[in-house]
Protein backbone atom coordinates (compact mmCIF):
# COMPACT_ATOMS: atom_id res chain seq x y z
CA MET A 1 0.48 -36.47 30.19
CA GLU A 2 2.88 -33.82 28.95
CA ARG A 3 1.41 -31.29 26.50
CA GLU A 4 2.85 -31.32 22.95
CA ARG A 5 5.39 -28.54 22.45
CA LYS A 6 4.87 -27.42 18.88
CA ARG A 7 7.57 -25.32 17.25
CA ALA A 8 5.62 -22.14 16.51
CA CYS A 9 6.36 -18.88 14.75
CA ILE A 10 4.56 -15.53 14.80
CA TYR A 11 3.55 -13.49 11.74
CA VAL A 12 2.77 -9.77 12.11
CA ARG A 13 1.85 -7.17 9.51
CA VAL A 14 0.76 -3.55 9.44
CA SER A 15 0.19 -1.62 6.24
CA THR A 16 1.22 2.05 6.17
CA GLU A 17 -2.33 3.24 5.49
CA ALA A 18 -3.92 1.13 8.23
CA GLN A 19 -1.39 1.62 11.00
CA GLU A 20 -3.26 4.27 12.99
CA ALA A 21 -6.74 2.96 12.22
CA ASP A 22 -5.85 -0.58 13.19
CA GLY A 23 -4.73 0.39 16.67
CA TYR A 24 -2.27 -2.48 17.02
CA SER A 25 1.37 -1.94 16.23
CA LEU A 26 3.73 -4.68 15.11
CA GLU A 27 5.15 -4.81 18.62
CA GLU A 28 1.72 -5.16 20.24
CA GLN A 29 0.70 -7.93 17.84
CA GLU A 30 3.90 -9.79 18.65
CA ARG A 31 3.44 -9.32 22.40
CA LEU A 32 -0.09 -10.74 22.36
CA CYS A 33 0.94 -13.66 20.17
CA LYS A 34 3.89 -14.52 22.42
CA ALA A 35 1.59 -14.50 25.44
CA SER A 36 -0.70 -16.97 23.68
CA LEU A 37 2.25 -19.18 22.76
CA GLU A 38 3.29 -19.30 26.40
CA SER A 39 -0.23 -20.26 27.49
CA LYS A 40 -0.19 -23.13 25.00
CA GLU A 41 3.34 -24.05 26.10
CA TRP A 42 4.50 -24.06 22.50
CA GLU A 43 8.13 -23.47 21.59
CA TYR A 44 8.72 -19.99 20.13
CA VAL A 45 10.87 -20.13 16.96
CA ARG A 46 10.84 -16.59 15.54
CA THR A 47 8.70 -13.66 14.38
CA TYR A 48 8.19 -12.81 10.71
CA CYS A 49 7.45 -9.11 10.32
CA ASP A 50 6.06 -7.25 7.27
CA GLY A 51 5.89 -3.55 8.14
CA GLY A 52 4.34 -1.24 5.56
CA TYR A 53 3.03 -4.00 3.26
CA SER A 54 -0.56 -4.26 2.05
CA GLY A 55 -2.54 -7.40 2.75
CA LYS A 56 -3.98 -7.44 -0.76
CA THR A 57 -0.82 -9.01 -2.19
CA MET A 58 1.27 -12.06 -1.27
CA GLU A 59 4.47 -10.40 -2.49
CA ARG A 60 5.70 -9.66 1.02
CA PRO A 61 9.27 -10.64 1.97
CA ALA A 62 8.59 -11.90 5.49
CA LEU A 63 5.49 -13.84 4.39
CA GLN A 64 7.39 -15.56 1.60
CA GLU A 65 10.25 -16.38 3.97
CA MET A 66 7.80 -17.87 6.46
CA LEU A 67 6.12 -20.01 3.79
CA ALA A 68 9.53 -21.26 2.65
CA ASP A 69 10.36 -22.24 6.24
CA VAL A 70 6.99 -24.00 6.52
CA ARG A 71 7.77 -26.07 3.45
CA ALA A 72 11.21 -26.82 4.90
CA GLY A 73 9.62 -28.18 8.07
CA LYS A 74 11.11 -25.55 10.38
CA VAL A 75 7.81 -24.71 12.10
CA GLU A 76 4.71 -26.66 13.14
CA ALA A 77 2.34 -23.79 13.91
CA VAL A 78 1.79 -20.14 12.92
CA MET A 79 0.37 -17.60 15.36
CA ILE A 80 -1.26 -14.37 14.10
CA TYR A 81 -3.18 -11.62 15.85
CA LYS A 82 -5.94 -11.45 13.23
CA LEU A 83 -6.69 -13.35 10.02
CA ASP A 84 -6.51 -10.22 7.86
CA ARG A 85 -2.88 -9.80 8.97
CA LEU A 86 -2.18 -12.90 6.90
CA SER A 87 -4.11 -11.61 3.88
CA ARG A 88 -7.11 -9.44 2.96
CA SER A 89 -7.86 -11.61 -0.06
CA GLN A 90 -10.09 -14.64 0.43
CA LYS A 91 -8.33 -16.50 -2.36
CA ASP A 92 -4.85 -15.77 -0.97
CA THR A 93 -5.90 -16.68 2.57
CA LEU A 94 -7.20 -20.06 1.47
CA THR A 95 -4.13 -20.60 -0.74
CA ILE A 96 -1.78 -19.98 2.18
CA ILE A 97 -3.71 -22.16 4.62
CA GLU A 98 -4.98 -24.98 2.40
CA ASP A 99 -2.11 -25.20 -0.11
CA VAL A 100 0.87 -24.52 2.16
CA LEU A 101 0.16 -24.75 5.89
CA LEU A 102 -2.21 -27.70 6.22
CA PRO A 103 -0.45 -29.96 3.64
CA ASN A 104 2.74 -29.46 5.66
CA LYS A 105 0.86 -30.28 8.89
CA VAL A 106 1.27 -26.70 10.15
CA ASP A 107 -1.59 -25.32 12.23
CA ILE A 108 -2.59 -21.64 12.35
CA VAL A 109 -4.02 -19.80 15.34
CA SER A 110 -5.66 -16.35 15.09
CA LEU A 111 -6.18 -14.59 18.41
CA LYS A 112 -8.83 -12.07 17.36
CA GLU A 113 -11.18 -14.59 15.78
CA THR A 114 -10.22 -17.40 18.20
CA LEU A 115 -9.47 -19.37 15.05
CA ASP A 116 -7.50 -22.54 15.65
CA THR A 117 -7.01 -25.12 12.89
CA THR A 118 -6.10 -27.71 15.48
CA THR A 119 -9.89 -28.07 15.90
CA PRO A 120 -12.51 -29.11 13.26
CA TRP A 121 -14.57 -25.97 14.02
CA GLY A 122 -11.55 -23.76 13.43
CA ARG A 123 -10.88 -25.30 10.03
CA ALA A 124 -14.54 -24.85 9.04
CA MET A 125 -14.45 -21.15 9.93
CA ILE A 126 -11.47 -20.29 7.69
CA GLY A 127 -13.44 -19.74 4.48
CA ILE A 128 -16.17 -17.73 6.21
CA LEU A 129 -13.76 -15.34 7.92
CA ALA A 130 -11.62 -14.94 4.80
CA SER A 131 -14.68 -13.93 2.76
CA PHE A 132 -15.63 -11.26 5.32
CA ASN A 133 -12.07 -9.87 5.30
CA GLN A 134 -12.18 -9.53 1.52
CA LEU A 135 -15.61 -7.87 1.69
CA ASP A 136 -14.24 -5.38 4.22
CA ARG A 137 -11.28 -4.50 1.97
CA GLU A 138 -13.48 -4.07 -1.11
CA THR A 139 -15.89 -1.84 0.83
CA ILE A 140 -13.01 0.41 1.91
CA VAL A 141 -11.76 0.65 -1.69
CA MET A 142 -15.25 1.53 -2.92
CA ARG A 143 -15.72 4.26 -0.31
CA THR A 144 -12.30 5.73 -1.06
CA THR A 145 -12.99 5.79 -4.81
CA MET A 146 -16.40 7.42 -4.31
CA GLY A 147 -14.86 10.05 -2.06
CA ARG A 148 -12.16 10.88 -4.59
CA ARG A 149 -14.69 11.13 -7.42
CA ALA A 150 -16.81 13.52 -5.38
CA LYS A 151 -13.75 15.63 -4.61
CA ALA A 152 -12.72 15.56 -8.29
CA LYS A 153 -16.13 16.90 -9.34
CA SER A 154 -15.58 19.91 -7.11
CA GLY A 155 -12.06 20.42 -8.50
CA GLY A 156 -10.25 19.27 -5.36
CA TYR A 157 -6.95 17.42 -5.11
CA THR A 158 -7.47 13.64 -5.19
CA GLY A 159 -4.04 12.56 -4.04
CA GLY A 160 -1.26 10.70 -5.80
CA LYS A 161 2.12 12.05 -6.84
CA THR A 162 2.26 15.83 -6.45
CA PRO A 163 2.66 17.39 -9.91
CA TYR A 164 5.73 19.51 -10.61
CA GLY A 165 5.10 23.18 -9.93
CA TYR A 166 2.89 22.50 -6.93
CA ARG A 167 3.05 21.35 -3.35
CA VAL A 168 0.25 20.10 -1.09
CA GLU A 169 -1.04 22.19 1.81
CA ASN A 170 -4.13 21.21 3.78
CA LYS A 171 -4.83 18.51 1.18
CA GLU A 172 -4.99 21.05 -1.66
CA LEU A 173 -2.53 22.08 -4.41
CA VAL A 174 -0.70 25.38 -4.04
CA VAL A 175 1.93 26.83 -6.38
CA ASP A 176 5.54 25.95 -5.58
CA GLU A 177 7.44 29.10 -6.50
CA ARG A 178 10.70 27.18 -6.95
CA GLU A 179 9.30 24.67 -9.45
CA ALA A 180 6.68 26.79 -11.23
CA PRO A 181 9.18 28.74 -13.44
CA MET A 182 10.56 25.47 -14.79
CA VAL A 183 7.09 24.23 -15.71
CA ARG A 184 6.31 27.46 -17.56
CA ARG A 185 9.69 27.30 -19.32
CA ILE A 186 8.98 23.74 -20.49
CA PHE A 187 5.70 24.73 -22.14
CA ALA A 188 7.31 27.82 -23.69
CA LEU A 189 10.03 25.66 -25.25
CA ARG A 190 7.45 23.12 -26.38
CA LYS A 191 5.48 25.91 -28.09
CA GLU A 192 8.66 26.86 -29.95
CA GLY A 193 8.73 23.33 -31.39
CA HIS A 194 11.54 21.74 -29.37
CA SER A 195 11.46 17.99 -28.77
CA LEU A 196 11.09 16.64 -25.25
CA ARG A 197 14.70 15.47 -25.15
CA ALA A 198 15.91 18.84 -26.47
CA ILE A 199 13.90 20.59 -23.75
CA ALA A 200 15.58 18.46 -21.08
CA ASP A 201 19.00 19.40 -22.48
CA ILE A 202 18.10 23.11 -22.58
CA LEU A 203 16.84 23.06 -19.01
CA GLU A 204 20.08 21.42 -17.87
CA SER A 205 22.14 24.05 -19.70
CA GLU A 206 20.09 26.81 -18.07
CA GLY A 207 20.71 25.40 -14.58
CA TYR A 208 17.31 23.98 -13.77
CA ILE A 209 17.31 21.03 -11.38
CA GLY A 210 14.60 18.61 -10.36
CA ARG A 211 13.37 17.48 -7.00
CA GLU A 212 15.95 16.36 -4.46
CA GLY A 213 18.66 17.94 -6.61
CA ARG A 214 18.29 15.44 -9.44
CA PRO A 215 18.84 16.46 -13.08
CA ILE A 216 15.82 17.08 -15.31
CA MET A 217 15.21 13.87 -17.23
CA TYR A 218 13.36 13.29 -20.51
CA SER A 219 10.69 11.36 -18.58
CA THR A 220 10.12 14.34 -16.26
CA VAL A 221 9.57 16.68 -19.19
CA ALA A 222 7.25 14.16 -20.86
CA GLY A 223 5.20 13.76 -17.69
CA ILE A 224 4.78 17.52 -17.33
CA CYS A 225 3.79 17.98 -20.98
CA ASN A 226 1.26 15.14 -20.75
CA ASN A 227 -0.36 16.96 -17.82
CA GLU A 228 -1.09 20.17 -19.72
CA ASP A 229 -4.77 20.30 -18.75
CA LEU A 230 -3.86 20.34 -15.08
CA TYR A 231 -1.48 23.26 -15.56
CA ARG A 232 -4.26 25.15 -17.36
CA GLY A 233 -6.57 24.68 -14.37
CA ILE A 234 -8.53 21.62 -15.54
CA LYS A 235 -8.62 18.67 -13.13
CA THR A 236 -9.36 15.18 -14.49
CA TYR A 237 -10.06 12.07 -12.40
CA ALA A 238 -11.65 8.81 -13.60
CA GLY A 239 -12.89 10.58 -16.72
CA VAL A 240 -14.39 13.49 -14.75
CA ARG A 241 -13.17 16.92 -15.92
CA SER A 242 -13.73 19.95 -13.73
CA GLU A 243 -12.29 23.36 -12.99
CA GLY A 244 -9.55 22.93 -10.41
CA ARG A 245 -9.58 24.61 -7.01
CA TYR A 246 -5.99 25.78 -7.42
CA GLU A 247 -3.99 28.43 -9.27
CA ALA A 248 -3.21 27.52 -12.89
CA LEU A 249 0.39 27.89 -14.03
CA LEU A 250 -0.60 28.39 -17.68
CA GLU A 251 -3.27 30.51 -19.27
CA ALA A 252 -6.45 28.71 -20.30
CA GLU A 253 -6.54 27.93 -23.99
């Protein structure tokens, strides 16, 4: 009896943060999935690839395109390397599988967990594995937050957008001599009573330019003025205020 040749697609994902830690590139995930497709003698349709997208959201272009093709009946099976490539949220994982794939008679196979919804055992394991993936993601978030809070208490740099007037070296803030004069000029003009929009106009007339050669916008000036504590050497993170381990651009009040 000839084996059924399902029309199968492959879905691969790697988030920017997890790329090195995960150990499996998009290409390697695809290679392993294609090998499994060949062993099952399924017909390969295409690969949907989300590079640099987090698994905590479903707003991923390739994922949404794949789900649309599932609803349109273009595929009969989805092959993934690992269940958390599909989603790191238990709710989203079950939504994708139970509300989209299974109602459209589309099976899903995960190589890492040997999960295969073509079998009753595979379908029963979906919820269990999805809950562990979500627990893993929440544990990572908790550890990261605790680490940043500990660093904030000691005045260290906790990441995020680098404030004007500084650059990051060895994960710490150091003064950027090109941007620092503009920051000091902004606070001097603010002390004289100028509005934020007026300050932006003055800076433009004096030849100051922003990052990447962009003009100084009102929003840039507002962001710098709202960060006054930082420029006076006070670091704040999650309500924790501490003396920063970096050179202040303004004198302490």
